[in-house]
């Protein structure tokens, strides 16, 4: 055993990234305080809590000691073995099983500070069907059956990358289209956002396949594309679709679209998808108190449009009512069905192939233009010819006056007659 292997085995185990954030906030520690204590930057701490990187060596030990839960809090949280157990990572994307498409999130407790609302109750079967699966039935989500089937599938064979992608697409794409419709109010944009998100996921499948939550990765990409402000410049997506005709659903539809994008996304993730508050805050890139404030403000704004929501006695009742209303609104509208997974995969490959060819053509054109310029460029400097300019200040031409007719006659006579002078002396020989 090498020294690096020994150090890794002796290093303390860390909880999941979302649990790290929850433990830090439970101790009322900010990212700046943790960064100063460990000796890193705030961006490094944020990357540890999002799962992009993990601390090593002495920093890992300091970080684990800093966020370690209090002894009295261990009784109310998940067992230490379950919390610190490392997640098995496949050696290659081809070995990703079907169950890796949507892992079960680790249990987490709400932070003890900030205006955090109560945890939402168990979502109704029809709401979970809206969010997770394609079928709109009232028979439940079938989590136990899927888990058992997944275990049997893992024991029998390994899924190929295309099969794992198709399984993830079939399980999550229809629900994501409904969620994107609730975010944007545009059916065509909702379908386009989900397909673009899955195209990006297939393009980066080696990274998505080993992610702890591939469905969450795709959901975040779809939300970011759907809520991009650049869609306002497109004529097809400049205005939302017609609202529902039923008064109650129309009021909820208008209330959602009147919310700011960040508040609308927080409300949908917490009350529609069913994420807990730390997970909602992590996906919206906000602190847990800020996410709690957005959630309470969004609920208050929606309650002004829905009298039955305002009459709810507790936040738990409000959350349950919003679960039902969001699920009913998403199922009532005729949201377009996404294209087959194979078409999405080929579209992603065609797009990547097109951009590759465009890049190659651009480089070739640049090389050709550069060669032509070098071939036709002059080898020495030629000063340019100055443009003509009008010269001023020159005196007028002077000279004798104009000859008269008599002067011209005399001049002519003189030129015609020979001059009569002395004869030329010619020497003669004697």
Protein backbone atom coordinates (compact mmCIF):
# COMPACT_ATOMS: atom_id res chain seq x y z
CA UNK A 1 0.00 0.00 0.00
CA UNK A 2 1.38 3.35 -1.04
CA UNK A 3 1.56 6.40 1.11
CA UNK A 4 -1.21 8.23 -0.77
CA UNK A 5 -3.54 5.26 -0.34
CA UNK A 6 -2.79 5.18 3.38
CA UNK A 7 -3.46 8.91 3.71
CA UNK A 8 -6.79 8.59 1.87
CA UNK A 9 -7.84 5.71 4.11
CA UNK A 10 -6.91 7.66 7.25
CA UNK A 11 -8.65 10.87 6.08
CA UNK A 12 -11.94 11.62 7.80
CA UNK A 13 -15.11 10.88 5.90
CA UNK A 14 -17.23 13.82 4.79
CA UNK A 15 -21.00 13.96 4.38
CA UNK A 16 -22.69 14.69 1.09
CA UNK A 17 -22.29 18.21 -0.35
CA UNK A 18 -25.84 19.23 0.58
CA UNK A 19 -25.35 17.87 4.08
CA UNK A 20 -22.14 19.89 4.42
CA UNK A 21 -24.05 23.05 3.70
CA UNK A 22 -26.80 22.14 6.13
CA UNK A 23 -24.30 21.40 8.91
CA UNK A 24 -22.53 24.70 8.32
CA UNK A 25 -25.74 26.68 8.47
CA UNK A 26 -26.89 24.74 11.53
CA UNK A 27 -23.82 26.08 13.33
CA UNK A 28 -24.52 29.63 12.09
CA UNK A 29 -21.27 29.74 10.13
CA UNK A 30 -20.91 31.74 6.95
CA UNK A 31 -18.81 30.74 3.98
CA UNK A 32 -16.30 33.47 4.81
CA UNK A 33 -15.84 32.15 8.36
CA UNK A 34 -15.28 28.59 7.16
CA UNK A 35 -12.86 29.78 4.48
CA UNK A 36 -10.87 31.80 7.02
CA UNK A 37 -10.72 28.89 9.47
CA UNK A 38 -9.58 26.34 6.88
CA UNK A 39 -7.31 28.74 4.97
CA UNK A 40 -9.03 28.78 1.58
CA UNK A 41 -11.18 31.16 -0.41
CA UNK A 42 -14.94 31.50 -0.30
CA UNK A 43 -15.22 30.08 -3.82
CA UNK A 44 -13.42 26.93 -2.67
CA UNK A 45 -15.88 26.41 0.17
CA UNK A 46 -18.77 26.86 -2.23
CA UNK A 47 -17.29 24.28 -4.59
CA UNK A 48 -17.03 21.84 -1.68
CA UNK A 49 -20.71 22.36 -0.86
CA UNK A 50 -21.83 21.95 -4.46
CA UNK A 51 -19.84 18.74 -4.99
CA UNK A 52 -17.51 20.05 -7.69
CA UNK A 53 -14.42 19.44 -5.55
CA UNK A 54 -13.53 17.93 -2.19
CA UNK A 55 -10.91 18.98 0.37
CA UNK A 56 -7.78 16.92 0.89
CA UNK A 57 -5.09 16.48 3.46
CA UNK A 58 -4.97 18.87 6.40
CA UNK A 59 -7.74 21.04 4.98
CA UNK A 60 -10.02 18.02 4.84
CA UNK A 61 -9.43 17.27 8.50
CA UNK A 62 -10.03 20.89 9.53
CA UNK A 63 -13.16 21.14 7.42
CA UNK A 64 -14.57 17.86 8.78
CA UNK A 65 -13.91 18.97 12.36
CA UNK A 66 -15.42 22.38 11.71
CA UNK A 67 -18.75 21.12 10.35
CA UNK A 68 -19.00 18.03 12.56
CA UNK A 69 -22.50 17.83 14.14
CA UNK A 70 -22.94 18.31 17.84
CA UNK A 71 -23.26 15.13 19.92
CA UNK A 72 -26.81 15.96 21.01
CA UNK A 73 -27.84 16.54 17.39
CA UNK A 74 -26.79 13.10 16.23
CA UNK A 75 -29.92 11.54 17.68
CA UNK A 76 -32.19 13.63 15.45
CA UNK A 77 -30.23 13.31 12.21
CA UNK A 78 -29.35 10.43 9.97
CA UNK A 79 -26.99 7.75 11.34
CA UNK A 80 -23.34 8.59 10.98
CA UNK A 81 -22.64 5.50 8.94
CA UNK A 82 -25.33 6.35 6.41
CA UNK A 83 -24.29 10.00 6.32
CA UNK A 84 -20.58 9.42 5.81
CA UNK A 85 -20.73 6.35 3.59
CA UNK A 86 -18.94 7.10 0.34
CA UNK A 87 -21.00 7.01 -2.82
CA UNK A 88 -19.86 4.27 -5.22
CA UNK A 89 -18.68 5.83 -8.45
CA UNK A 90 -18.56 3.73 -11.63
CA UNK A 91 -15.23 3.38 -13.35
CA UNK A 92 -16.66 4.40 -16.71
CA UNK A 93 -19.87 5.89 -18.02
CA UNK A 94 -20.74 2.56 -19.66
CA UNK A 95 -21.15 0.92 -16.24
CA UNK A 96 -23.76 3.32 -14.91
CA UNK A 97 -26.80 1.31 -13.82
CA UNK A 98 -30.39 2.36 -14.27
CA UNK A 99 -30.77 3.25 -10.60
CA UNK A 100 -28.01 5.87 -10.95
CA UNK A 101 -30.34 7.96 -13.03
CA UNK A 102 -32.23 9.19 -10.01
CA UNK A 103 -30.69 8.39 -6.57
CA UNK A 104 -32.60 8.84 -3.37
CA UNK A 105 -31.45 12.04 -1.60
CA UNK A 106 -29.93 11.73 1.84
CA UNK A 107 -32.16 12.86 4.72
CA UNK A 108 -31.38 16.33 6.00
CA UNK A 109 -32.73 18.44 8.79
CA UNK A 110 -33.84 22.04 8.51
CA UNK A 111 -31.46 24.70 9.81
CA UNK A 112 -32.10 26.03 13.28
CA UNK A 113 -31.80 29.68 12.30
CA UNK A 114 -33.50 32.00 9.85
CA UNK A 115 -37.16 32.27 8.91
CA UNK A 116 -37.34 28.71 7.58
CA UNK A 117 -40.89 27.50 6.92
CA UNK A 118 -42.13 24.15 8.01
CA UNK A 119 -41.22 21.13 5.97
CA UNK A 120 -43.80 20.26 3.29
CA UNK A 121 -45.89 17.16 3.85
CA UNK A 122 -45.69 14.11 1.65
CA UNK A 123 -46.68 15.09 -1.87
CA UNK A 124 -49.90 13.77 -3.24
CA UNK A 125 -49.59 10.88 -5.73
CA UNK A 126 -50.89 12.97 -8.59
CA UNK A 127 -48.36 15.75 -7.88
CA UNK A 128 -45.48 13.29 -7.81
CA UNK A 129 -46.72 11.89 -11.08
CA UNK A 130 -46.64 15.41 -12.48
CA UNK A 131 -43.12 15.99 -11.29
CA UNK A 132 -41.41 12.63 -11.62
CA UNK A 133 -43.11 10.29 -14.06
CA UNK A 134 -45.01 10.53 -17.30
CA UNK A 135 -48.20 8.77 -16.24
CA UNK A 136 -50.90 10.85 -14.55
CA UNK A 137 -52.32 8.18 -12.27
CA UNK A 138 -53.32 8.01 -8.64
CA UNK A 139 -51.61 4.74 -7.88
CA UNK A 140 -48.53 6.24 -6.22
CA UNK A 141 -44.95 6.59 -7.37
CA UNK A 142 -43.85 2.97 -7.13
CA UNK A 143 -40.55 3.78 -5.42
CA UNK A 144 -40.10 0.37 -3.77
CA UNK A 145 -40.86 -1.52 -6.96
CA UNK A 146 -38.43 0.60 -8.95
CA UNK A 147 -35.73 0.09 -6.32
CA UNK A 148 -36.14 -3.69 -6.36
CA UNK A 149 -36.19 -3.77 -10.14
CA UNK A 150 -33.11 -1.57 -10.22
CA UNK A 151 -31.23 -3.92 -7.90
CA UNK A 152 -32.16 -6.89 -10.07
CA UNK A 153 -31.10 -5.04 -13.20
CA UNK A 154 -27.74 -4.14 -11.68
CA UNK A 155 -27.20 -7.76 -10.74
CA UNK A 156 -28.03 -9.02 -14.23
CA UNK A 157 -26.26 -6.59 -16.56
CA UNK A 158 -24.91 -3.08 -16.96
CA UNK A 159 -26.69 -0.50 -19.03
CA UNK A 160 -24.99 1.14 -21.97
CA UNK A 161 -24.72 4.95 -22.01
CA UNK A 162 -27.54 5.22 -24.56
CA UNK A 163 -29.82 2.93 -22.53
CA UNK A 164 -29.13 4.81 -19.30
CA UNK A 165 -29.80 8.12 -21.04
CA UNK A 166 -33.04 6.83 -22.57
CA UNK A 167 -34.21 5.57 -19.18
CA UNK A 168 -33.47 8.90 -17.52
CA UNK A 169 -35.22 10.73 -20.35
CA UNK A 170 -38.32 8.54 -20.20
CA UNK A 171 -38.67 8.96 -16.44
CA UNK A 172 -38.04 12.69 -16.12
CA UNK A 173 -38.68 14.46 -19.43
CA UNK A 174 -42.53 14.61 -19.32
CA UNK A 175 -42.55 15.95 -15.77
CA UNK A 176 -39.83 18.49 -16.58
CA UNK A 177 -41.89 19.81 -19.49
CA UNK A 178 -44.79 20.47 -17.11
CA UNK A 179 -42.48 22.18 -14.64
CA UNK A 180 -40.99 24.37 -17.37
CA UNK A 181 -44.51 25.31 -18.45
CA UNK A 182 -45.32 26.47 -14.92
CA UNK A 183 -42.10 28.52 -14.94
CA UNK A 184 -42.60 30.23 -18.28
CA UNK A 185 -46.28 29.94 -19.22
CA UNK A 186 -45.19 28.94 -22.75
CA UNK A 187 -45.71 25.39 -23.98
CA UNK A 188 -43.31 25.51 -26.92
CA UNK A 189 -40.56 27.04 -24.79
CA UNK A 190 -41.10 24.41 -22.09
CA UNK A 191 -40.59 21.58 -24.56
CA UNK A 192 -37.59 23.31 -26.15
CA UNK A 193 -35.97 23.89 -22.74
CA UNK A 194 -36.21 20.25 -21.72
CA UNK A 195 -34.90 18.98 -25.04
CA UNK A 196 -31.98 21.42 -24.95
CA UNK A 197 -31.18 20.37 -21.38
CA UNK A 198 -31.10 16.69 -22.36
CA UNK A 199 -29.01 17.46 -25.42
CA UNK A 200 -26.51 19.16 -23.14
CA UNK A 201 -26.69 16.20 -20.77
CA UNK A 202 -25.92 13.75 -23.58
CA UNK A 203 -23.08 15.95 -24.77
CA UNK A 204 -21.62 15.84 -21.23
CA UNK A 205 -22.85 12.37 -20.36
CA UNK A 206 -19.58 11.14 -18.76
CA UNK A 207 -20.04 13.92 -16.20
CA UNK A 208 -23.80 13.53 -15.79
CA UNK A 209 -23.67 9.74 -15.49
CA UNK A 210 -21.53 9.82 -12.35
CA UNK A 211 -23.40 12.76 -10.80
CA UNK A 212 -25.15 12.12 -7.49
CA UNK A 213 -28.44 13.38 -8.92
CA UNK A 214 -28.58 13.23 -12.74
CA UNK A 215 -32.26 14.22 -12.75
CA UNK A 216 -31.43 17.31 -10.70
CA UNK A 217 -28.59 18.15 -13.10
CA UNK A 218 -30.95 18.08 -16.06
CA UNK A 219 -33.64 19.96 -14.14
CA UNK A 220 -31.25 22.79 -13.30
CA UNK A 221 -30.14 23.03 -16.94
CA UNK A 222 -33.76 23.10 -18.16
CA UNK A 223 -34.71 25.78 -15.63
CA UNK A 224 -31.76 27.97 -16.59
CA UNK A 225 -32.60 27.76 -20.28
CA UNK A 226 -36.33 28.30 -19.75
CA UNK A 227 -35.85 31.38 -17.56
CA UNK A 228 -33.22 33.05 -19.75
CA UNK A 229 -34.16 36.71 -20.37
CA UNK A 230 -32.95 36.47 -23.98
CA UNK A 231 -36.16 34.68 -24.95
CA UNK A 232 -37.94 38.03 -24.78
CA UNK A 233 -36.18 39.00 -28.02
CA UNK A 234 -37.71 36.04 -29.86
CA UNK A 235 -41.04 36.74 -31.48
CA UNK A 236 -42.42 33.26 -30.78
CA UNK A 237 -41.75 33.50 -27.03
CA UNK A 238 -42.33 37.20 -26.47
CA UNK A 239 -45.76 36.71 -24.89
CA UNK A 240 -47.06 33.82 -22.76
CA UNK A 241 -49.74 31.46 -23.99
CA UNK A 242 -53.41 31.94 -23.27
CA UNK A 243 -54.21 31.29 -19.59
CA UNK A 244 -56.59 28.49 -18.52
CA UNK A 245 -60.28 29.18 -18.78
CA UNK A 246 -61.14 27.96 -15.29
CA UNK A 247 -61.09 30.94 -12.87
CA UNK A 248 -59.13 29.21 -10.09
CA UNK A 249 -56.43 27.88 -12.41
CA UNK A 250 -56.26 31.19 -14.25
CA UNK A 251 -55.68 33.03 -10.97
CA UNK A 252 -52.86 30.65 -10.04
CA UNK A 253 -51.38 30.92 -13.54
CA UNK A 254 -51.37 34.72 -13.42
CA UNK A 255 -49.99 34.73 -9.88
CA UNK A 256 -47.06 32.52 -10.89
CA UNK A 257 -46.16 34.65 -13.90
CA UNK A 258 -46.33 37.85 -11.85
CA UNK A 259 -43.68 36.53 -9.44
CA UNK A 260 -40.01 37.36 -10.07
CA UNK A 261 -38.16 34.47 -11.73
CA UNK A 262 -36.13 33.57 -8.62
CA UNK A 263 -39.24 33.53 -6.39
CA UNK A 264 -41.20 31.51 -8.94
CA UNK A 265 -38.42 28.93 -9.18
CA UNK A 266 -38.11 28.64 -5.41
CA UNK A 267 -41.84 28.12 -5.00
CA UNK A 268 -41.95 25.44 -7.68
CA UNK A 269 -38.95 23.54 -6.33
CA UNK A 270 -40.18 23.55 -2.74
CA UNK A 271 -43.94 23.19 -3.13
CA UNK A 272 -44.12 21.58 -6.57
CA UNK A 273 -41.13 19.26 -6.82
CA UNK A 274 -40.93 18.64 -3.07
CA UNK A 275 -37.28 19.49 -2.37
CA UNK A 276 -36.34 20.49 1.14
CA UNK A 277 -35.14 23.99 1.91
CA UNK A 278 -31.34 23.39 1.76
CA UNK A 279 -31.67 21.59 -1.57
CA UNK A 280 -33.87 24.38 -2.93
CA UNK A 281 -31.35 26.97 -1.78
CA UNK A 282 -28.47 25.05 -3.35
CA UNK A 283 -30.23 24.69 -6.70
CA UNK A 284 -31.19 28.36 -6.80
CA UNK A 285 -27.65 29.38 -5.68
CA UNK A 286 -28.90 31.25 -2.63
CA UNK A 287 -28.43 30.90 1.10
CA UNK A 288 -31.00 28.95 3.06
CA UNK A 289 -32.40 32.05 4.86
CA UNK A 290 -32.68 33.85 1.52
CA UNK A 291 -34.51 30.89 -0.03
CA UNK A 292 -36.85 30.80 2.97
CA UNK A 293 -37.60 34.50 2.57
CA UNK A 294 -38.30 34.08 -1.15
CA UNK A 295 -40.60 31.15 -0.43
CA UNK A 296 -42.63 33.01 2.18
CA UNK A 297 -42.90 36.11 -0.05
CA UNK A 298 -44.01 34.01 -3.02
CA UNK A 299 -46.63 32.22 -0.92
CA UNK A 300 -47.97 35.53 0.32
CA UNK A 301 -48.23 36.86 -3.25
CA UNK A 302 -50.04 33.74 -4.45
CA UNK A 303 -52.34 33.81 -1.40
CA UNK A 304 -53.61 37.23 -2.49
CA UNK A 305 -54.98 35.63 -5.67
CA UNK A 306 -56.23 32.40 -4.04
CA UNK A 307 -58.58 32.95 -1.07
CA UNK A 308 -58.49 29.28 -0.02
CA UNK A 309 -54.69 29.47 0.27
CA UNK A 310 -54.93 32.56 2.47
CA UNK A 311 -57.42 30.78 4.74
CA UNK A 312 -55.01 27.91 5.45
CA UNK A 313 -54.15 27.79 9.15
CA UNK A 314 -50.56 26.53 8.97
CA UNK A 315 -47.72 26.65 6.41
CA UNK A 316 -48.03 22.86 6.08
CA UNK A 317 -51.61 23.22 4.88
CA UNK A 318 -50.54 25.92 2.45
CA UNK A 319 -47.81 23.65 1.11
CA UNK A 320 -50.23 20.75 0.67
CA UNK A 321 -52.75 22.99 -1.09
CA UNK A 322 -50.08 24.36 -3.41
CA UNK A 323 -49.01 20.80 -4.18
CA UNK A 324 -52.52 19.98 -5.35
CA UNK A 325 -53.05 23.23 -7.24
CA UNK A 326 -49.71 23.13 -9.09
CA UNK A 327 -50.25 19.49 -10.04
CA UNK A 328 -53.77 20.18 -11.26
CA UNK A 329 -52.66 23.20 -13.30
CA UNK A 330 -49.83 21.27 -14.95
CA UNK A 331 -52.05 18.28 -15.84
CA UNK A 332 -54.99 20.36 -17.05
CA UNK A 333 -53.04 22.15 -19.78
CA UNK A 334 -52.16 20.39 -23.01
CA UNK A 335 -48.40 20.49 -22.65
CA UNK A 336 -46.63 19.06 -25.73
CA UNK A 337 -44.99 15.68 -25.37
CA UNK A 338 -41.21 15.77 -25.82
CA UNK A 339 -39.62 14.02 -28.74
CA UNK A 340 -38.28 10.46 -28.38
CA UNK A 341 -34.97 10.04 -26.61
CA UNK A 342 -33.26 8.81 -29.76
CA UNK A 343 -34.20 12.01 -31.59
CA UNK A 344 -32.81 14.09 -28.73
CA UNK A 345 -29.55 12.14 -28.72
CA UNK A 346 -29.12 12.41 -32.48
CA UNK A 347 -30.00 16.10 -32.28
CA UNK A 348 -27.27 16.62 -29.71
CA UNK A 349 -24.78 14.72 -31.86
CA UNK A 350 -25.80 16.66 -34.98
CA UNK A 351 -25.45 19.94 -33.13
CA UNK A 352 -21.99 19.00 -31.85
CA UNK A 353 -21.00 17.83 -35.34
CA UNK A 354 -22.27 21.07 -36.86
CA UNK A 355 -20.35 23.25 -34.40
CA UNK A 356 -17.22 21.16 -34.97
CA UNK A 357 -17.46 21.58 -38.72
CA UNK A 358 -18.13 25.29 -38.32
CA UNK A 359 -15.05 25.65 -36.13
CA UNK A 360 -12.90 23.72 -38.60
CA UNK A 361 -14.23 25.81 -41.49
CA UNK A 362 -13.57 29.02 -39.58
CA UNK A 363 -9.99 28.00 -38.84
CA UNK A 364 -9.43 26.99 -42.47
CA UNK A 365 -10.84 30.31 -43.68
CA UNK A 366 -8.61 32.20 -41.28
CA UNK A 367 -5.56 30.31 -42.50
CA UNK A 368 -6.48 30.97 -46.14
CA UNK A 369 -7.01 34.69 -45.56
CA UNK A 370 -3.73 34.92 -43.67
CA UNK A 371 -1.85 33.16 -46.48
CA UNK A 372 -3.42 35.37 -49.13
CA UNK A 373 -2.52 38.47 -47.16
CA UNK A 374 1.09 37.36 -46.78
CA UNK A 375 1.30 36.55 -50.49
CA UNK A 376 -0.11 39.85 -51.73
CA UNK A 377 1.38 42.18 -49.15
CA UNK A 378 4.24 44.48 -50.36
CA UNK A 379 7.75 43.59 -49.31
CA UNK A 380 8.93 47.21 -48.85
CA UNK A 381 7.42 50.44 -47.74
CA UNK A 382 5.98 52.70 -50.41
CA UNK A 383 5.16 56.18 -49.18
CA UNK A 384 1.77 57.34 -50.36
CA UNK A 385 1.48 60.15 -52.90
CA UNK A 386 0.31 63.34 -51.32
CA UNK A 387 -2.93 64.68 -52.73
CA UNK A 388 -2.87 67.88 -54.81
CA UNK A 389 -3.39 71.14 -53.02
CA UNK A 390 -4.13 74.64 -54.18
CA UNK A 391 -1.14 76.95 -53.59
CA UNK A 392 -1.94 80.52 -52.61
CA UNK A 393 0.05 83.73 -52.31
CA UNK A 394 1.88 83.46 -55.71
CA UNK A 395 2.35 86.93 -57.36
CA UNK A 396 0.85 87.44 -60.84
CA UNK A 397 3.06 86.88 -63.83
CA UNK A 398 4.88 90.15 -64.86
CA UNK A 399 6.58 91.30 -68.07
CA UNK A 400 6.24 93.78 -70.99
CA UNK A 401 2.91 95.09 -71.97
CA UNK A 402 0.92 93.61 -74.81
CA UNK A 403 2.35 94.42 -78.25
CA UNK A 404 0.35 96.69 -80.42
CA UNK A 405 -0.34 96.13 -84.13
CA UNK A 406 2.51 98.44 -85.11
CA UNK A 407 4.90 96.60 -82.84
CA UNK A 408 3.86 93.27 -84.30
CA UNK A 409 4.43 94.61 -87.86
CA UNK A 410 7.87 95.86 -86.99
CA UNK A 411 8.72 92.56 -85.34
CA UNK A 412 7.70 90.68 -88.45
CA UNK A 413 9.77 92.94 -90.69
CA UNK A 414 12.85 92.50 -88.61
CA UNK A 415 12.53 88.72 -88.69
CA UNK A 416 12.11 88.61 -92.49
CA UNK A 417 14.91 90.98 -93.51
CA UNK A 418 18.52 89.99 -93.19
CA UNK A 419 20.78 92.05 -91.08
CA UNK A 420 23.14 94.29 -93.22
CA UNK A 421 26.42 94.31 -91.48
CA UNK A 422 30.10 94.21 -92.53
CA UNK A 423 31.07 91.42 -94.83
CA UNK A 424 32.87 88.51 -93.42
CA UNK A 425 36.54 88.54 -93.96
CA UNK A 426 37.72 85.42 -95.73
CA UNK A 427 41.51 84.81 -95.68
CA UNK A 428 43.00 84.14 -99.08
CA UNK A 429 46.37 82.53 -100.05
CA UNK A 430 48.83 84.44 -102.11
